[in-house]
Amino acid sequence: MVFFAFLIVAWILLLSILLWDLIQKGQNKLYMFVLIPSSLLLTVTTYVTIQGLLGYPTESIKKGKFMLLSSAVKEPDWIYYWVIHEGDIDPTAYKVPYTEPEHKKQEQASQAMEAGEVIAGEYQDGTQ
């Protein structure tokens, strides 16, 4: 997380220096008119998408069949699932808001996996 903060601060500092230099010189107004909004858009886009690039769990669950690889609970905030979807090569990490019913489902799945069962399912619009 420290790297994430450093990356954002470094990006904003670099962009500020470049924009300040561009504004001070003020040679080409059209270039300035295009560069300033596009740099702000790029900064916002970078901030929003960097967590996905760093591999943090996502809350947007992909529809379709999946196989559960592992799970963990962080009471009272989140339940984490590590699944692989049908047709995918790499697993995906999801975080689901903590609720008692979801915790019971997670415990049942963990016990079944410890007993050697393969846990598979299909996610469709809020149902598992």
N, C-alpha and C. Protein backbone atom coordinates (compact mmCIF):
# COMPACT_ATOMS: atom_id res chain seq x y z
N MET A 1 0.82 -1.19 0.00
CA MET A 1 0.00 0.00 0.00
C MET A 1 0.87 1.26 0.00
N VAL A 2 2.05 1.17 0.60
CA VAL A 2 2.95 2.31 0.61
C VAL A 2 3.42 2.61 -0.81
N PHE A 3 3.67 1.54 -1.58
CA PHE A 3 4.08 1.72 -2.97
C PHE A 3 2.98 2.42 -3.77
N PHE A 4 1.74 2.06 -3.52
CA PHE A 4 0.61 2.67 -4.20
C PHE A 4 0.57 4.18 -3.91
N ALA A 5 0.72 4.56 -2.64
CA ALA A 5 0.71 5.98 -2.28
C ALA A 5 1.90 6.71 -2.91
N PHE A 6 3.07 6.09 -2.88
CA PHE A 6 4.25 6.70 -3.48
C PHE A 6 4.06 6.90 -4.98
N LEU A 7 3.48 5.92 -5.65
CA LEU A 7 3.25 6.01 -7.09
C LEU A 7 2.31 7.16 -7.44
N ILE A 8 1.25 7.31 -6.68
CA ILE A 8 0.30 8.39 -6.93
C ILE A 8 0.95 9.75 -6.67
N VAL A 9 1.67 9.89 -5.56
CA VAL A 9 2.33 11.16 -5.24
C VAL A 9 3.37 11.50 -6.30
N ALA A 10 4.17 10.51 -6.71
CA ALA A 10 5.19 10.76 -7.74
C ALA A 10 4.55 11.18 -9.06
N TRP A 11 3.46 10.53 -9.43
CA TRP A 11 2.77 10.87 -10.68
C TRP A 11 2.23 12.30 -10.62
N ILE A 12 1.59 12.68 -9.51
CA ILE A 12 1.04 14.03 -9.39
C ILE A 12 2.15 15.07 -9.37
N LEU A 13 3.26 14.78 -8.69
CA LEU A 13 4.39 15.71 -8.65
C LEU A 13 4.99 15.92 -10.04
N LEU A 14 5.22 14.84 -10.76
CA LEU A 14 5.77 14.93 -12.11
C LEU A 14 4.83 15.70 -13.04
N LEU A 15 3.57 15.38 -12.97
CA LEU A 15 2.58 16.06 -13.81
C LEU A 15 2.48 17.54 -13.47
N SER A 16 2.54 17.86 -12.18
CA SER A 16 2.49 19.27 -11.77
C SER A 16 3.67 20.05 -12.31
N ILE A 17 4.87 19.48 -12.25
CA ILE A 17 6.06 20.16 -12.76
C ILE A 17 5.94 20.38 -14.27
N LEU A 18 5.51 19.35 -14.98
CA LEU A 18 5.37 19.48 -16.43
C LEU A 18 4.31 20.52 -16.82
N LEU A 19 3.17 20.50 -16.14
CA LEU A 19 2.12 21.47 -16.45
C LEU A 19 2.54 22.88 -16.07
N TRP A 20 3.22 23.04 -14.94
CA TRP A 20 3.70 24.36 -14.54
C TRP A 20 4.67 24.93 -15.58
N ASP A 21 5.58 24.08 -16.07
CA ASP A 21 6.52 24.52 -17.09
C ASP A 21 5.77 24.91 -18.38
N LEU A 22 4.80 24.11 -18.76
CA LEU A 22 4.02 24.40 -19.96
C LEU A 22 3.26 25.72 -19.83
N ILE A 23 2.65 25.95 -18.67
CA ILE A 23 1.89 27.18 -18.47
C ILE A 23 2.81 28.39 -18.43
N GLN A 24 3.97 28.25 -17.80
CA GLN A 24 4.92 29.36 -17.71
C GLN A 24 5.42 29.79 -19.09
N LYS A 25 5.72 28.83 -19.93
CA LYS A 25 6.20 29.16 -21.28
C LYS A 25 5.07 29.69 -22.14
N GLY A 26 3.89 29.07 -22.06
CA GLY A 26 2.71 29.54 -22.75
C GLY A 26 2.88 29.80 -24.24
N GLN A 27 3.71 29.02 -24.90
CA GLN A 27 4.01 29.28 -26.31
C GLN A 27 2.87 28.85 -27.23
N ASN A 28 2.31 27.70 -26.98
CA ASN A 28 1.29 27.17 -27.88
C ASN A 28 0.00 26.95 -27.09
N LYS A 29 -0.98 27.80 -27.28
CA LYS A 29 -2.23 27.74 -26.51
C LYS A 29 -3.04 26.49 -26.84
N LEU A 30 -3.05 26.06 -28.10
CA LEU A 30 -3.78 24.86 -28.48
C LEU A 30 -3.19 23.63 -27.79
N TYR A 31 -1.88 23.54 -27.77
CA TYR A 31 -1.19 22.43 -27.12
C TYR A 31 -1.53 22.40 -25.62
N MET A 32 -1.56 23.58 -24.99
CA MET A 32 -1.90 23.69 -23.58
C MET A 32 -3.36 23.31 -23.35
N PHE A 33 -4.24 23.74 -24.25
CA PHE A 33 -5.67 23.45 -24.13
C PHE A 33 -5.94 21.95 -24.20
N VAL A 34 -5.14 21.22 -24.96
CA VAL A 34 -5.32 19.77 -25.10
C VAL A 34 -4.61 19.02 -23.97
N LEU A 35 -3.42 19.45 -23.60
CA LEU A 35 -2.60 18.72 -22.64
C LEU A 35 -3.14 18.78 -21.21
N ILE A 36 -3.64 19.92 -20.78
CA ILE A 36 -4.11 20.04 -19.39
C ILE A 36 -5.32 19.14 -19.12
N PRO A 37 -6.40 19.18 -19.90
CA PRO A 37 -7.52 18.26 -19.62
C PRO A 37 -7.14 16.78 -19.79
N SER A 38 -6.32 16.49 -20.79
CA SER A 38 -5.96 15.08 -20.98
C SER A 38 -5.08 14.58 -19.83
N SER A 39 -4.23 15.42 -19.27
CA SER A 39 -3.41 14.99 -18.15
C SER A 39 -4.26 14.79 -16.89
N LEU A 40 -5.26 15.63 -16.70
CA LEU A 40 -6.17 15.43 -15.57
C LEU A 40 -6.98 14.14 -15.73
N LEU A 41 -7.44 13.88 -16.93
CA LEU A 41 -8.17 12.64 -17.20
C LEU A 41 -7.27 11.42 -16.98
N LEU A 42 -6.05 11.50 -17.43
CA LEU A 42 -5.10 10.41 -17.24
C LEU A 42 -4.80 10.16 -15.76
N THR A 43 -4.71 11.22 -14.98
CA THR A 43 -4.47 11.08 -13.54
C THR A 43 -5.63 10.38 -12.85
N VAL A 44 -6.84 10.79 -13.16
CA VAL A 44 -8.03 10.17 -12.55
C VAL A 44 -8.13 8.71 -12.97
N THR A 45 -7.90 8.43 -14.25
CA THR A 45 -7.95 7.06 -14.74
C THR A 45 -6.89 6.19 -14.08
N THR A 46 -5.70 6.72 -13.91
CA THR A 46 -4.63 5.98 -13.25
C THR A 46 -5.01 5.67 -11.81
N TYR A 47 -5.55 6.64 -11.10
CA TYR A 47 -5.92 6.45 -9.71
C TYR A 47 -7.00 5.37 -9.57
N VAL A 48 -7.97 5.37 -10.47
CA VAL A 48 -9.09 4.42 -10.39
C VAL A 48 -8.65 3.00 -10.74
N THR A 49 -7.79 2.85 -11.73
CA THR A 49 -7.45 1.50 -12.22
C THR A 49 -6.21 0.89 -11.58
N ILE A 50 -5.46 1.63 -10.80
CA ILE A 50 -4.20 1.10 -10.28
C ILE A 50 -4.42 -0.07 -9.32
N GLN A 51 -5.50 -0.07 -8.57
CA GLN A 51 -5.75 -1.18 -7.65
C GLN A 51 -5.95 -2.49 -8.41
N GLY A 52 -6.63 -2.44 -9.54
CA GLY A 52 -6.79 -3.63 -10.35
C GLY A 52 -5.47 -4.13 -10.90
N LEU A 53 -4.59 -3.21 -11.23
CA LEU A 53 -3.28 -3.59 -11.75
C LEU A 53 -2.40 -4.20 -10.67
N LEU A 54 -2.59 -3.79 -9.43
CA LEU A 54 -1.78 -4.31 -8.34
C LEU A 54 -2.28 -5.65 -7.82
N GLY A 55 -3.44 -6.09 -8.27
CA GLY A 55 -3.92 -7.41 -7.92
C GLY A 55 -4.76 -7.48 -6.66
N TYR A 56 -5.37 -6.38 -6.25
CA TYR A 56 -6.24 -6.44 -5.09
C TYR A 56 -7.54 -7.14 -5.44
N PRO A 57 -8.22 -7.73 -4.44
CA PRO A 57 -9.50 -8.39 -4.72
C PRO A 57 -10.53 -7.39 -5.24
N THR A 58 -11.40 -7.88 -6.08
CA THR A 58 -12.43 -7.03 -6.67
C THR A 58 -13.79 -7.37 -6.06
N GLU A 59 -14.70 -6.42 -6.12
CA GLU A 59 -16.06 -6.64 -5.64
C GLU A 59 -17.01 -6.97 -6.78
N SER A 60 -16.59 -6.75 -8.02
CA SER A 60 -17.47 -7.03 -9.16
C SER A 60 -17.24 -8.48 -9.60
N ILE A 61 -18.22 -9.30 -9.30
CA ILE A 61 -18.11 -10.74 -9.54
C ILE A 61 -18.52 -11.07 -10.97
N LYS A 62 -17.69 -11.87 -11.62
CA LYS A 62 -17.92 -12.27 -13.01
C LYS A 62 -18.98 -13.38 -13.05
N LYS A 63 -19.94 -13.25 -13.96
CA LYS A 63 -20.98 -14.26 -14.11
C LYS A 63 -20.40 -15.52 -14.73
N GLY A 64 -20.99 -16.65 -14.40
CA GLY A 64 -20.59 -17.90 -15.01
C GLY A 64 -20.17 -18.94 -13.99
N LYS A 65 -19.77 -20.10 -14.50
CA LYS A 65 -19.37 -21.21 -13.65
C LYS A 65 -17.98 -20.97 -13.08
N PHE A 66 -17.79 -21.45 -11.85
CA PHE A 66 -16.51 -21.27 -11.19
C PHE A 66 -16.21 -22.47 -10.29
N MET A 67 -14.93 -22.56 -9.89
CA MET A 67 -14.50 -23.55 -8.92
C MET A 67 -13.80 -22.81 -7.80
N LEU A 68 -14.20 -23.06 -6.55
CA LEU A 68 -13.62 -22.39 -5.40
C LEU A 68 -12.27 -23.01 -5.06
N LEU A 69 -11.26 -22.17 -4.95
CA LEU A 69 -9.92 -22.64 -4.60
C LEU A 69 -9.61 -22.43 -3.13
N SER A 70 -10.06 -21.28 -2.58
CA SER A 70 -9.79 -20.97 -1.18
C SER A 70 -10.70 -19.84 -0.74
N SER A 71 -10.78 -19.64 0.58
CA SER A 71 -11.56 -18.54 1.13
C SER A 71 -10.99 -18.14 2.48
N ALA A 72 -11.30 -16.92 2.88
CA ALA A 72 -10.86 -16.40 4.18
C ALA A 72 -11.87 -15.36 4.65
N VAL A 73 -11.95 -15.21 5.97
CA VAL A 73 -12.89 -14.26 6.56
C VAL A 73 -12.12 -13.21 7.36
N LYS A 74 -12.50 -11.96 7.17
CA LYS A 74 -11.97 -10.87 7.97
C LYS A 74 -13.17 -10.18 8.62
N GLU A 75 -13.53 -10.68 9.80
CA GLU A 75 -14.69 -10.13 10.50
C GLU A 75 -14.38 -8.73 10.97
N PRO A 76 -15.28 -7.83 10.99
CA PRO A 76 -16.65 -7.83 10.48
C PRO A 76 -16.77 -7.17 9.11
N ASP A 77 -15.67 -7.16 8.34
CA ASP A 77 -15.67 -6.40 7.10
C ASP A 77 -15.95 -7.22 5.84
N TRP A 78 -15.08 -8.20 5.57
CA TRP A 78 -15.11 -8.87 4.27
C TRP A 78 -14.96 -10.38 4.40
N ILE A 79 -15.45 -11.06 3.37
CA ILE A 79 -15.15 -12.47 3.15
C ILE A 79 -14.47 -12.54 1.80
N TYR A 80 -13.31 -13.19 1.76
CA TYR A 80 -12.52 -13.26 0.54
C TYR A 80 -12.65 -14.65 -0.07
N TYR A 81 -12.84 -14.69 -1.39
CA TYR A 81 -12.90 -15.94 -2.14
C TYR A 81 -11.86 -15.89 -3.25
N TRP A 82 -11.21 -17.01 -3.46
CA TRP A 82 -10.26 -17.15 -4.55
C TRP A 82 -10.81 -18.24 -5.44
N VAL A 83 -11.24 -17.89 -6.66
CA VAL A 83 -11.92 -18.82 -7.55
C VAL A 83 -11.27 -18.81 -8.92
N ILE A 84 -11.53 -19.88 -9.66
CA ILE A 84 -11.12 -19.91 -11.07
C ILE A 84 -12.39 -20.16 -11.88
N HIS A 85 -12.60 -19.32 -12.87
CA HIS A 85 -13.79 -19.41 -13.71
C HIS A 85 -13.55 -20.37 -14.86
N GLU A 86 -14.63 -20.96 -15.33
CA GLU A 86 -14.57 -21.88 -16.46
C GLU A 86 -14.01 -21.15 -17.68
N GLY A 87 -12.97 -21.70 -18.26
CA GLY A 87 -12.36 -21.10 -19.43
C GLY A 87 -11.22 -20.14 -19.12
N ASP A 88 -11.03 -19.78 -17.85
CA ASP A 88 -9.94 -18.89 -17.46
C ASP A 88 -8.70 -19.71 -17.10
N ILE A 89 -7.55 -19.09 -17.26
CA ILE A 89 -6.30 -19.74 -16.90
C ILE A 89 -5.88 -19.35 -15.49
N ASP A 90 -6.06 -18.06 -15.15
CA ASP A 90 -5.62 -17.55 -13.86
C ASP A 90 -6.80 -17.40 -12.91
N PRO A 91 -6.57 -17.62 -11.60
CA PRO A 91 -7.64 -17.43 -10.62
C PRO A 91 -7.92 -15.94 -10.38
N THR A 92 -9.09 -15.67 -9.80
CA THR A 92 -9.51 -14.32 -9.48
C THR A 92 -9.84 -14.24 -7.99
N ALA A 93 -9.45 -13.13 -7.35
CA ALA A 93 -9.77 -12.91 -5.94
C ALA A 93 -10.96 -11.95 -5.84
N TYR A 94 -11.94 -12.35 -5.03
CA TYR A 94 -13.13 -11.52 -4.82
C TYR A 94 -13.26 -11.21 -3.33
N LYS A 95 -13.84 -10.04 -3.04
CA LYS A 95 -14.20 -9.74 -1.67
C LYS A 95 -15.69 -9.43 -1.63
N VAL A 96 -16.35 -10.05 -0.65
CA VAL A 96 -17.80 -9.94 -0.49
C VAL A 96 -18.05 -9.33 0.89
N PRO A 97 -18.99 -8.39 1.00
CA PRO A 97 -19.28 -7.82 2.33
C PRO A 97 -19.68 -8.91 3.32
N TYR A 98 -19.20 -8.78 4.54
CA TYR A 98 -19.44 -9.78 5.58
C TYR A 98 -20.89 -9.75 6.04
N THR A 99 -21.54 -10.91 6.03
CA THR A 99 -22.85 -11.11 6.64
C THR A 99 -22.83 -12.49 7.29
N GLU A 100 -23.69 -12.70 8.26
CA GLU A 100 -23.75 -14.01 8.94
C GLU A 100 -24.09 -15.14 7.97
N PRO A 101 -25.12 -14.97 7.10
CA PRO A 101 -25.42 -16.07 6.16
C PRO A 101 -24.25 -16.37 5.22
N GLU A 102 -23.56 -15.32 4.75
CA GLU A 102 -22.42 -15.55 3.87
C GLU A 102 -21.28 -16.23 4.61
N HIS A 103 -21.11 -15.89 5.89
CA HIS A 103 -20.07 -16.53 6.70
C HIS A 103 -20.38 -18.02 6.89
N LYS A 104 -21.64 -18.34 7.10
CA LYS A 104 -22.02 -19.76 7.24
C LYS A 104 -21.75 -20.53 5.95
N LYS A 105 -22.07 -19.90 4.79
CA LYS A 105 -21.76 -20.54 3.50
C LYS A 105 -20.27 -20.77 3.35
N GLN A 106 -19.48 -19.79 3.75
CA GLN A 106 -18.03 -19.90 3.64
C GLN A 106 -17.51 -21.01 4.54
N GLU A 107 -18.03 -21.12 5.77
CA GLU A 107 -17.60 -22.18 6.68
C GLU A 107 -17.96 -23.56 6.13
N GLN A 108 -19.18 -23.71 5.58
CA GLN A 108 -19.59 -24.98 5.00
C GLN A 108 -18.69 -25.36 3.83
N ALA A 109 -18.37 -24.39 2.98
CA ALA A 109 -17.49 -24.65 1.84
C ALA A 109 -16.09 -25.03 2.30
N SER A 110 -15.57 -24.35 3.33
CA SER A 110 -14.24 -24.67 3.84
C SER A 110 -14.18 -26.07 4.42
N GLN A 111 -15.22 -26.44 5.16
CA GLN A 111 -15.27 -27.79 5.73
C GLN A 111 -15.35 -28.85 4.63
N ALA A 112 -16.13 -28.58 3.61
CA ALA A 112 -16.24 -29.53 2.51
C ALA A 112 -14.91 -29.66 1.76
N MET A 113 -14.20 -28.55 1.60
CA MET A 113 -12.91 -28.60 0.92
C MET A 113 -11.89 -29.36 1.76
N GLU A 114 -11.94 -29.20 3.09
CA GLU A 114 -11.04 -29.95 3.97
C GLU A 114 -11.32 -31.45 3.89
N ALA A 115 -12.56 -31.79 3.61
CA ALA A 115 -12.93 -33.20 3.48
C ALA A 115 -12.58 -33.75 2.09
N GLY A 116 -12.05 -32.90 1.21
CA GLY A 116 -11.60 -33.35 -0.11
C GLY A 116 -12.58 -33.11 -1.23
N GLU A 117 -13.69 -32.44 -0.96
CA GLU A 117 -14.67 -32.16 -2.01
C GLU A 117 -14.22 -30.99 -2.87
N VAL A 118 -14.63 -31.02 -4.12
CA VAL A 118 -14.40 -29.90 -5.03
C VAL A 118 -15.66 -29.04 -5.01
N ILE A 119 -15.48 -27.77 -4.70
CA ILE A 119 -16.62 -26.84 -4.62
C ILE A 119 -16.72 -26.08 -5.93
N ALA A 120 -17.83 -26.28 -6.62
CA ALA A 120 -18.07 -25.59 -7.88
C ALA A 120 -19.47 -24.98 -7.84
N GLY A 121 -19.67 -23.95 -8.63
CA GLY A 121 -20.96 -23.29 -8.65
C GLY A 121 -21.09 -22.41 -9.87
N GLU A 122 -22.18 -21.66 -9.90
CA GLU A 122 -22.41 -20.73 -10.99
C GLU A 122 -23.00 -19.46 -10.41
N TYR A 123 -22.44 -18.33 -10.80
CA TYR A 123 -22.91 -17.03 -10.32
C TYR A 123 -23.78 -16.41 -11.40
N GLN A 124 -25.02 -16.03 -10.99
CA GLN A 124 -25.95 -15.39 -11.91
C GLN A 124 -26.70 -14.29 -11.16
N ASP A 125 -26.39 -13.04 -11.44
CA ASP A 125 -27.13 -11.88 -10.90
C ASP A 125 -27.48 -11.98 -9.41
N GLY A 126 -26.50 -12.11 -8.56
CA GLY A 126 -26.73 -12.08 -7.13
C GLY A 126 -27.02 -13.41 -6.49
N THR A 127 -27.06 -14.49 -7.25
CA THR A 127 -27.28 -15.81 -6.67
C THR A 127 -26.07 -16.70 -6.94
N GLN A 128 -25.77 -17.55 -5.98
CA GLN A 128 -24.62 -18.45 -6.15
C GLN A 128 -25.06 -19.88 -6.00
